[in-house]
Amino acid sequence: MSSTAITTLTKMMESLPESAQHQVVEHLRDYVENLQDEIHWDVTFKKTQSQLVSAAQRNRREIAEGHAKPMDYNRL
């Protein structure tokens, strides 16, 4: 699968010396790995978002009803 962006990137890299091309590849590799991590977390968050909303609503209700206790940070 090719796109205009990939073609543009290839042309830009071809204009660089080989040592610089290797540096660009390393930077791109790191950048793509970071993007993949972000995409993974976004997907995971979307899958659990309704559960998080439900838990927050339940907690607010428990606080309003006086069932919640302040957190004892010494017990963590």
N, C-alpha and C. Protein backbone atom coordinates (compact mmCIF):
# COMPACT_ATOMS: atom_id res chain seq x y z
N MET A 1 0.85 -1.18 0.00
CA MET A 1 0.00 0.00 0.00
C MET A 1 0.89 1.23 0.00
N SER A 2 0.68 2.09 -0.98
CA SER A 2 1.48 3.30 -1.09
C SER A 2 0.57 4.50 -1.03
N SER A 3 1.11 5.57 -0.51
CA SER A 3 0.34 6.80 -0.43
C SER A 3 1.23 7.96 -0.84
N THR A 4 0.60 9.09 -1.04
CA THR A 4 1.35 10.29 -1.40
C THR A 4 2.34 10.64 -0.30
N ALA A 5 1.93 10.46 0.95
CA ALA A 5 2.81 10.78 2.08
C ALA A 5 4.06 9.91 2.06
N ILE A 6 3.89 8.63 1.79
CA ILE A 6 5.05 7.72 1.76
C ILE A 6 5.96 8.08 0.59
N THR A 7 5.37 8.41 -0.55
CA THR A 7 6.17 8.80 -1.71
C THR A 7 6.96 10.07 -1.40
N THR A 8 6.32 11.03 -0.77
CA THR A 8 6.99 12.28 -0.40
C THR A 8 8.14 12.01 0.57
N LEU A 9 7.87 11.18 1.58
CA LEU A 9 8.91 10.85 2.55
C LEU A 9 10.09 10.15 1.88
N THR A 10 9.80 9.23 0.99
CA THR A 10 10.86 8.50 0.28
C THR A 10 11.73 9.47 -0.51
N LYS A 11 11.10 10.40 -1.22
CA LYS A 11 11.86 11.38 -2.01
C LYS A 11 12.72 12.26 -1.11
N MET A 12 12.15 12.67 0.03
CA MET A 12 12.92 13.50 0.97
C MET A 12 14.12 12.73 1.49
N MET A 13 13.92 11.47 1.82
CA MET A 13 15.02 10.68 2.38
C MET A 13 16.10 10.38 1.34
N GLU A 14 15.68 10.20 0.10
CA GLU A 14 16.66 9.93 -0.96
C GLU A 14 17.60 11.09 -1.18
N SER A 15 17.18 12.29 -0.80
CA SER A 15 18.05 13.46 -0.98
C SER A 15 19.10 13.58 0.12
N LEU A 16 18.98 12.75 1.16
CA LEU A 16 19.92 12.80 2.28
C LEU A 16 21.07 11.82 2.08
N PRO A 17 22.22 12.12 2.70
CA PRO A 17 23.31 11.13 2.71
C PRO A 17 22.85 9.88 3.45
N GLU A 18 23.47 8.75 3.15
CA GLU A 18 23.04 7.48 3.73
C GLU A 18 23.08 7.48 5.25
N SER A 19 24.09 8.10 5.84
CA SER A 19 24.16 8.13 7.31
C SER A 19 22.97 8.89 7.89
N ALA A 20 22.57 9.96 7.25
CA ALA A 20 21.41 10.72 7.70
C ALA A 20 20.13 9.90 7.49
N GLN A 21 20.07 9.13 6.43
CA GLN A 21 18.91 8.27 6.18
C GLN A 21 18.73 7.28 7.33
N HIS A 22 19.84 6.73 7.80
CA HIS A 22 19.77 5.79 8.93
C HIS A 22 19.26 6.48 10.19
N GLN A 23 19.70 7.71 10.40
CA GLN A 23 19.22 8.47 11.57
C GLN A 23 17.72 8.71 11.46
N VAL A 24 17.27 9.08 10.28
CA VAL A 24 15.84 9.32 10.08
C VAL A 24 15.04 8.05 10.33
N VAL A 25 15.54 6.93 9.84
CA VAL A 25 14.85 5.65 10.04
C VAL A 25 14.73 5.34 11.53
N GLU A 26 15.80 5.56 12.29
CA GLU A 26 15.75 5.30 13.73
C GLU A 26 14.72 6.21 14.43
N HIS A 27 14.72 7.48 14.05
CA HIS A 27 13.74 8.41 14.63
C HIS A 27 12.32 7.99 14.26
N LEU A 28 12.12 7.63 13.01
CA LEU A 28 10.79 7.21 12.57
C LEU A 28 10.35 5.93 13.27
N ARG A 29 11.29 5.01 13.46
CA ARG A 29 10.97 3.76 14.16
C ARG A 29 10.47 4.06 15.58
N ASP A 30 11.17 4.92 16.29
CA ASP A 30 10.75 5.31 17.64
C ASP A 30 9.39 6.01 17.61
N TYR A 31 9.23 6.92 16.65
CA TYR A 31 7.98 7.68 16.54
C TYR A 31 6.80 6.74 16.25
N VAL A 32 6.98 5.81 15.33
CA VAL A 32 5.91 4.86 14.99
C VAL A 32 5.58 3.97 16.18
N GLU A 33 6.58 3.54 16.92
CA GLU A 33 6.33 2.73 18.11
C GLU A 33 5.50 3.51 19.12
N ASN A 34 5.83 4.78 19.32
CA ASN A 34 5.05 5.62 20.23
C ASN A 34 3.62 5.80 19.74
N LEU A 35 3.44 6.00 18.44
CA LEU A 35 2.10 6.13 17.88
C LEU A 35 1.29 4.84 18.09
N GLN A 36 1.94 3.70 17.89
CA GLN A 36 1.25 2.43 18.08
C GLN A 36 0.83 2.26 19.53
N ASP A 37 1.68 2.66 20.47
CA ASP A 37 1.31 2.61 21.89
C ASP A 37 0.11 3.50 22.17
N GLU A 38 0.12 4.72 21.62
CA GLU A 38 -1.00 5.64 21.83
C GLU A 38 -2.30 5.08 21.25
N ILE A 39 -2.21 4.49 20.07
CA ILE A 39 -3.39 3.89 19.44
C ILE A 39 -3.92 2.75 20.30
N HIS A 40 -3.02 1.93 20.82
CA HIS A 40 -3.41 0.82 21.68
C HIS A 40 -4.16 1.34 22.91
N TRP A 41 -3.61 2.37 23.58
CA TRP A 41 -4.25 2.91 24.77
C TRP A 41 -5.59 3.56 24.44
N ASP A 42 -5.67 4.25 23.29
CA ASP A 42 -6.94 4.85 22.88
C ASP A 42 -8.02 3.79 22.69
N VAL A 43 -7.65 2.69 22.02
CA VAL A 43 -8.61 1.59 21.79
C VAL A 43 -9.01 0.97 23.12
N THR A 44 -8.05 0.72 23.99
CA THR A 44 -8.33 0.13 25.29
C THR A 44 -9.24 1.04 26.11
N PHE A 45 -8.96 2.33 26.10
CA PHE A 45 -9.77 3.28 26.86
C PHE A 45 -11.20 3.31 26.33
N LYS A 46 -11.36 3.33 25.00
CA LYS A 46 -12.70 3.36 24.41
C LYS A 46 -13.49 2.12 24.79
N LYS A 47 -12.81 0.97 24.89
CA LYS A 47 -13.49 -0.26 25.25
C LYS A 47 -13.99 -0.24 26.69
N THR A 48 -13.31 0.49 27.56
CA THR A 48 -13.66 0.49 28.98
C THR A 48 -14.29 1.80 29.43
N GLN A 49 -14.51 2.73 28.51
CA GLN A 49 -15.01 4.05 28.89
C GLN A 49 -16.36 3.96 29.59
N SER A 50 -17.27 3.14 29.10
CA SER A 50 -18.59 3.05 29.75
C SER A 50 -18.46 2.48 31.16
N GLN A 51 -17.54 1.57 31.37
CA GLN A 51 -17.31 1.03 32.71
C GLN A 51 -16.75 2.10 33.64
N LEU A 52 -15.86 2.93 33.12
CA LEU A 52 -15.30 4.01 33.92
C LEU A 52 -16.37 5.03 34.30
N VAL A 53 -17.26 5.34 33.35
CA VAL A 53 -18.35 6.28 33.63
C VAL A 53 -19.26 5.70 34.71
N SER A 54 -19.59 4.42 34.59
CA SER A 54 -20.45 3.77 35.58
C SER A 54 -19.81 3.79 36.96
N ALA A 55 -18.53 3.50 37.03
CA ALA A 55 -17.82 3.49 38.31
C ALA A 55 -17.81 4.90 38.92
N ALA A 56 -17.59 5.92 38.09
CA ALA A 56 -17.58 7.30 38.60
C ALA A 56 -18.96 7.69 39.12
N GLN A 57 -20.00 7.31 38.40
CA GLN A 57 -21.37 7.62 38.85
C GLN A 57 -21.68 6.90 40.16
N ARG A 58 -21.28 5.65 40.25
CA ARG A 58 -21.51 4.88 41.48
C ARG A 58 -20.77 5.53 42.66
N ASN A 59 -19.54 5.95 42.42
CA ASN A 59 -18.75 6.59 43.49
C ASN A 59 -19.38 7.90 43.93
N ARG A 60 -19.85 8.69 42.97
CA ARG A 60 -20.51 9.96 43.34
C ARG A 60 -21.76 9.69 44.18
N ARG A 61 -22.52 8.67 43.78
CA ARG A 61 -23.72 8.32 44.51
C ARG A 61 -23.38 7.87 45.93
N GLU A 62 -22.35 7.04 46.07
CA GLU A 62 -21.93 6.57 47.40
C GLU A 62 -21.47 7.73 48.27
N ILE A 63 -20.77 8.67 47.69
CA ILE A 63 -20.32 9.85 48.45
C ILE A 63 -21.54 10.65 48.90
N ALA A 64 -22.47 10.89 47.97
CA ALA A 64 -23.67 11.67 48.29
C ALA A 64 -24.50 11.00 49.38
N GLU A 65 -24.53 9.66 49.39
CA GLU A 65 -25.32 8.92 50.37
C GLU A 65 -24.56 8.71 51.68
N GLY A 66 -23.32 9.18 51.74
CA GLY A 66 -22.54 9.07 52.96
C GLY A 66 -21.92 7.70 53.17
N HIS A 67 -21.85 6.89 52.13
CA HIS A 67 -21.28 5.55 52.25
C HIS A 67 -19.77 5.51 52.01
N ALA A 68 -19.24 6.58 51.50
CA ALA A 68 -17.81 6.60 51.19
C ALA A 68 -17.03 7.14 52.38
N LYS A 69 -15.82 6.64 52.52
CA LYS A 69 -14.93 7.10 53.60
C LYS A 69 -13.70 7.74 52.95
N PRO A 70 -13.12 8.73 53.62
CA PRO A 70 -11.89 9.31 53.08
C PRO A 70 -10.81 8.24 52.96
N MET A 71 -9.98 8.37 51.95
CA MET A 71 -8.92 7.39 51.73
C MET A 71 -7.84 7.55 52.81
N ASP A 72 -7.44 6.45 53.37
CA ASP A 72 -6.35 6.43 54.35
C ASP A 72 -5.06 6.11 53.59
N TYR A 73 -4.31 7.14 53.28
CA TYR A 73 -3.10 6.96 52.47
C TYR A 73 -2.03 6.13 53.19
N ASN A 74 -2.12 6.00 54.49
CA ASN A 74 -1.18 5.19 55.23
C ASN A 74 -1.41 3.70 55.01
N ARG A 75 -2.59 3.35 54.53
CA ARG A 75 -2.92 1.94 54.31
C ARG A 75 -2.56 1.47 52.90
N LEU A 76 -2.08 2.38 52.06
CA LEU A 76 -1.72 2.01 50.69
C LEU A 76 -0.46 1.20 50.65
